[in-house]
Amino acid sequence: MATKEKLLFVWILVAVAFGFLLRHFWSCAAYMIEKIVALSLVSLPCVAKFAVAICGVWLLP
């Protein structure tokens, strides 16, 4: 295998591992938010406002 092929293979492995980590994180976060809303600890409109605020920060330059 050439060096470029090895580097591409490593990048693919890193991307797959990163994808698994993010998927696990988002599934845990969604589960916790679901439980908080189901137990009526926080109302759904408050959770929606919080989500909009987080997404809005990502859009800022």
N, C-alpha and C. Protein backbone atom coordinates (compact mmCIF):
# COMPACT_ATOMS: atom_id res chain seq x y z
N MET A 1 0.84 -1.18 0.00
CA MET A 1 0.00 0.00 0.00
C MET A 1 0.88 1.24 0.00
N ALA A 2 0.47 2.20 -0.76
CA ALA A 2 1.21 3.46 -0.82
C ALA A 2 0.86 4.31 0.41
N THR A 3 1.66 5.31 0.63
CA THR A 3 1.45 6.18 1.78
C THR A 3 0.11 6.89 1.71
N LYS A 4 -0.27 7.33 0.51
CA LYS A 4 -1.56 8.01 0.36
C LYS A 4 -2.72 7.09 0.69
N GLU A 5 -2.62 5.83 0.31
CA GLU A 5 -3.68 4.87 0.61
C GLU A 5 -3.76 4.60 2.11
N LYS A 6 -2.61 4.50 2.76
CA LYS A 6 -2.61 4.30 4.22
C LYS A 6 -3.22 5.49 4.93
N LEU A 7 -2.88 6.69 4.50
CA LEU A 7 -3.42 7.90 5.10
C LEU A 7 -4.94 7.98 4.90
N LEU A 8 -5.41 7.63 3.72
CA LEU A 8 -6.84 7.62 3.45
C LEU A 8 -7.56 6.60 4.33
N PHE A 9 -6.96 5.43 4.49
CA PHE A 9 -7.53 4.39 5.35
C PHE A 9 -7.63 4.87 6.80
N VAL A 10 -6.59 5.53 7.30
CA VAL A 10 -6.60 6.05 8.67
C VAL A 10 -7.68 7.10 8.82
N TRP A 11 -7.82 8.00 7.84
CA TRP A 11 -8.86 9.04 7.92
C TRP A 11 -10.25 8.43 7.91
N ILE A 12 -10.45 7.37 7.14
CA ILE A 12 -11.76 6.71 7.13
C ILE A 12 -12.04 6.09 8.49
N LEU A 13 -11.06 5.44 9.09
CA LEU A 13 -11.24 4.87 10.43
C LEU A 13 -11.55 5.94 11.47
N VAL A 14 -10.86 7.07 11.39
CA VAL A 14 -11.11 8.17 12.32
C VAL A 14 -12.53 8.70 12.13
N ALA A 15 -12.97 8.86 10.90
CA ALA A 15 -14.31 9.37 10.63
C ALA A 15 -15.38 8.40 11.15
N VAL A 16 -15.17 7.12 10.98
CA VAL A 16 -16.14 6.13 11.46
C VAL A 16 -16.19 6.15 12.98
N ALA A 17 -15.04 6.19 13.64
CA ALA A 17 -15.02 6.23 15.11
C ALA A 17 -15.68 7.50 15.63
N PHE A 18 -15.40 8.63 14.99
CA PHE A 18 -16.00 9.89 15.39
C PHE A 18 -17.52 9.84 15.22
N GLY A 19 -17.99 9.23 14.15
CA GLY A 19 -19.42 9.08 13.90
C GLY A 19 -20.10 8.25 14.98
N PHE A 20 -19.45 7.16 15.40
CA PHE A 20 -20.02 6.34 16.47
C PHE A 20 -20.11 7.11 17.77
N LEU A 21 -19.07 7.88 18.09
CA LEU A 21 -19.08 8.66 19.33
C LEU A 21 -20.17 9.71 19.32
N LEU A 22 -20.33 10.42 18.20
CA LEU A 22 -21.36 11.45 18.12
C LEU A 22 -22.76 10.85 18.16
N ARG A 23 -22.94 9.72 17.52
CA ARG A 23 -24.26 9.09 17.52
C ARG A 23 -24.64 8.68 18.94
N HIS A 24 -23.69 8.13 19.68
CA HIS A 24 -23.96 7.74 21.07
C HIS A 24 -24.27 8.97 21.92
N PHE A 25 -23.52 10.05 21.74
CA PHE A 25 -23.75 11.27 22.51
C PHE A 25 -25.14 11.83 22.23
N TRP A 26 -25.52 11.95 20.95
CA TRP A 26 -26.82 12.54 20.62
C TRP A 26 -27.97 11.65 21.07
N SER A 27 -27.80 10.33 21.03
CA SER A 27 -28.88 9.46 21.49
C SER A 27 -29.07 9.59 23.00
N CYS A 28 -27.97 9.71 23.74
CA CYS A 28 -28.08 9.91 25.20
C CYS A 28 -28.70 11.26 25.52
N ALA A 29 -28.31 12.29 24.78
CA ALA A 29 -28.86 13.62 25.03
C ALA A 29 -30.36 13.65 24.72
N ALA A 30 -30.77 13.03 23.63
CA ALA A 30 -32.19 13.00 23.28
C ALA A 30 -32.98 12.21 24.32
N TYR A 31 -32.42 11.15 24.83
CA TYR A 31 -33.10 10.34 25.85
C TYR A 31 -33.30 11.16 27.13
N MET A 32 -32.27 11.90 27.53
CA MET A 32 -32.39 12.71 28.75
C MET A 32 -33.42 13.82 28.58
N ILE A 33 -33.43 14.47 27.43
CA ILE A 33 -34.41 15.53 27.18
C ILE A 33 -35.83 14.95 27.17
N GLU A 34 -35.98 13.77 26.57
CA GLU A 34 -37.29 13.11 26.55
C GLU A 34 -37.79 12.84 27.96
N LYS A 35 -36.91 12.35 28.82
CA LYS A 35 -37.31 12.05 30.19
C LYS A 35 -37.64 13.33 30.97
N ILE A 36 -36.89 14.39 30.76
CA ILE A 36 -37.14 15.66 31.45
C ILE A 36 -38.51 16.22 31.07
N VAL A 37 -38.84 16.17 29.79
CA VAL A 37 -40.13 16.68 29.33
C VAL A 37 -41.26 15.76 29.79
N ALA A 38 -41.03 14.44 29.76
CA ALA A 38 -42.07 13.50 30.16
C ALA A 38 -42.40 13.62 31.64
N LEU A 39 -41.42 13.92 32.45
CA LEU A 39 -41.65 14.09 33.89
C LEU A 39 -42.14 15.50 34.24
N SER A 40 -42.29 16.34 33.24
CA SER A 40 -42.77 17.72 33.39
C SER A 40 -41.85 18.56 34.28
N LEU A 41 -40.57 18.25 34.25
CA LEU A 41 -39.61 19.08 34.98
C LEU A 41 -39.36 20.38 34.24
N VAL A 42 -39.41 20.32 32.92
CA VAL A 42 -39.24 21.49 32.06
C VAL A 42 -40.29 21.37 30.96
N SER A 43 -40.89 22.48 30.59
CA SER A 43 -41.90 22.43 29.53
C SER A 43 -41.24 22.31 28.16
N LEU A 44 -41.97 21.80 27.23
CA LEU A 44 -41.45 21.62 25.88
C LEU A 44 -41.07 22.94 25.21
N PRO A 45 -41.86 24.04 25.35
CA PRO A 45 -41.42 25.31 24.76
C PRO A 45 -40.08 25.80 25.32
N CYS A 46 -39.80 25.55 26.60
CA CYS A 46 -38.51 25.95 27.16
C CYS A 46 -37.37 25.15 26.53
N VAL A 47 -37.59 23.87 26.33
CA VAL A 47 -36.57 23.03 25.69
C VAL A 47 -36.35 23.49 24.25
N ALA A 48 -37.44 23.86 23.56
CA ALA A 48 -37.31 24.34 22.19
C ALA A 48 -36.52 25.65 22.13
N LYS A 49 -36.77 26.56 23.07
CA LYS A 49 -36.02 27.82 23.10
C LYS A 49 -34.54 27.56 23.37
N PHE A 50 -34.26 26.63 24.25
CA PHE A 50 -32.87 26.28 24.54
C PHE A 50 -32.18 25.71 23.30
N ALA A 51 -32.89 24.84 22.58
CA ALA A 51 -32.32 24.25 21.37
C ALA A 51 -32.07 25.31 20.30
N VAL A 52 -32.98 26.26 20.18
CA VAL A 52 -32.79 27.34 19.20
C VAL A 52 -31.59 28.19 19.59
N ALA A 53 -31.41 28.44 20.87
CA ALA A 53 -30.26 29.23 21.32
C ALA A 53 -28.95 28.51 21.02
N ILE A 54 -28.91 27.19 21.25
CA ILE A 54 -27.69 26.44 20.95
C ILE A 54 -27.41 26.45 19.46
N CYS A 55 -28.42 26.20 18.65
CA CYS A 55 -28.23 26.19 17.20
C CYS A 55 -27.86 27.57 16.68
N GLY A 56 -28.40 28.60 17.30
CA GLY A 56 -28.08 29.97 16.89
C GLY A 56 -26.62 30.32 17.13
N VAL A 57 -26.05 29.78 18.19
CA VAL A 57 -24.62 30.03 18.48
C VAL A 57 -23.75 29.43 17.37
N TRP A 58 -24.13 28.27 16.85
CA TRP A 58 -23.35 27.64 15.79
C TRP A 58 -23.40 28.45 14.50
N LEU A 59 -24.46 29.22 14.31
CA LEU A 59 -24.59 30.00 13.06
C LEU A 59 -23.83 31.31 13.10
N LEU A 60 -23.44 31.74 14.30
CA LEU A 60 -22.70 32.99 14.41
C LEU A 60 -21.28 32.82 13.87
N PRO A 61 -20.77 33.86 13.23
CA PRO A 61 -19.39 33.74 12.69
C PRO A 61 -18.34 33.78 13.75
